[in-house]
Amino acid sequence: MKRRSALAKLGAVSLGIASPRLLRGEVFAQPYERKERQLETDILVIGGGTAGVIAAIQAGRAGRKTTLVENGSMLGGTTTTGGVNFPGIFFAWGKQVIGGIGWELVQDAVTLADGTLPDFSVPHGRQHWRHQVRVNPAIYALLAEEKCVQAGVQLRFYETPTHIEATKNGWKVVTVGKGTQTHIQCNQLIDCTGNAYAASLAGFKLLREAETQPGTLQFKIGDYDYAHLDMAMIKAKFNEAVAQGELVKGEFLNVESLLHSAGDNVQHIAGADATTSETHSLANITGRASLLRTVRFLRTLPGLEKLKVLDMQNETAVRETYRIDGLYRISREDYVSGKVFDDAVSYSYYPIDLHDANGVAPKHLEQGKVATVPLRALIPKDSRNFLVAGRCLSSDRLANSALRVQASCMGMGQAAAAAAVLANKQGTSPAEVPMSDVRALLEEHGAIVPKA
């Protein structure tokens, strides 16, 4: 056989082998179409962060059909994607004040990571962070998801609401996600977005400060020996770079703290806002640019030439955006006096913690004082079958600076869900549910309920 004929025959054999597979494996697909879905649920929780996870688990465990919509890829919010993996504070003045599902989740996360809890019997004094609990964010996210699934919660990631309207028996919510548009009919709706985003779509009035607290990108840096750094020289060079505009004033107020803690909650990003995709994109870009700029500068200094970014969160964590105008607005005086409301459903214990351009100077509560959260602060004015939980509750700015922390939000999430569950069972609205019923359901699920 001639060479040319042999090659032609070999080519024909090869084509004969390959073609059937190609024909079976590759077809022209129909144009990509968005799928429309119709869902019904008793309780719809929007936002799978600190408060939303606990609310969904509570509603599911109480036997209600529960759906949780989260526009990100995992649960946990501030603790996981935000990287603030030290939720607190659960104990006040030697006594536990926040328990229930949130505390269960935190304890399980600590146990599975072979961690340790602080000694809560030792007063924290002016260093309240000594009573915060360190958790492994990955373990926390895994456990949060497992507990939701075990409670029968339908999880819908990568979806965000675009339209919310009242119906005769609750709410119709339209969400858009990857390849989907979902029409969800629910009886009770709980906004746990942190930004009151669902409340805004539903048409309720919101409160916002002219200037909001800065956000923070969590990260870890390393590959330098802090003990052998010439800190006086570094501080002088750092301040000089800020004065000359090489570094942005206010992003890192204290370079010594930055290097000593190797990152970890030391950055300030002015105007960080997670309300929309555009504002959150800007917050993320600004936070990452700040870190990159600072790392490049530090690597020019003696002893820091090999400094590296070892870890960085996916997004800039945000402290403050919108709050609802609720049936009751918690004031700073309510908070610092430890007022116990007739409709108190959870505790909150944390210093007044307002961050601004000059940093933060926590104002601790007086001995024995523990704040409470009234159910009315979780209910927008002129609403039915609607609650919020988390930092978007009705409160003034100073009270909110303490109420926004994770343990407090966990307590609110469980309380809001308990009220929603009972409203669903009783065919009424959360504000009309007897407080004795709400407190009984919360205590049944391990929550600590304030008593006058």
Foldseek 3Di string as FASTA:
>chain_A
DDPVVVVVVVVVVVCVVPVVVCVVPDDDDDPQAFAEAEAEFAEEEEAQALLRLLLLLLLLQVPGGYEYEHQADFHHACCALVVQQFFDDQDAQQGGFWDFPSNVLLVVQCVVVVHDAAPSNDDCPQNVSSRTRGGDNVSSRVVSVVSSVVSNYHYHYNKDWDAWEADPQCIWTWIDGVSYIYTYHYRFYEYANLACLVVVRHPADKDWDPWAFFWAWFFFKDDFDLVPDPVVVVVVLVVVCCVVVLAPQQQAPDVNVCVVVRGGPRGGHTPQDPNDPVSQVVQFVRNVVNVVSVLVVQCVDPRSVPMDTPTTRPGIGGQDGIAAAWPDAAEPCQALQQPDDPQFQGKFADFQWGQDSNGTDTHHHPHPHIHTDGQRQQHHPPDFSYGYAALRTHYDDRSSSRCRTSSNRNSRSSLVSLLSSQCSVVVTGSVPDDSVSSNVSRVVRPTRTDDD
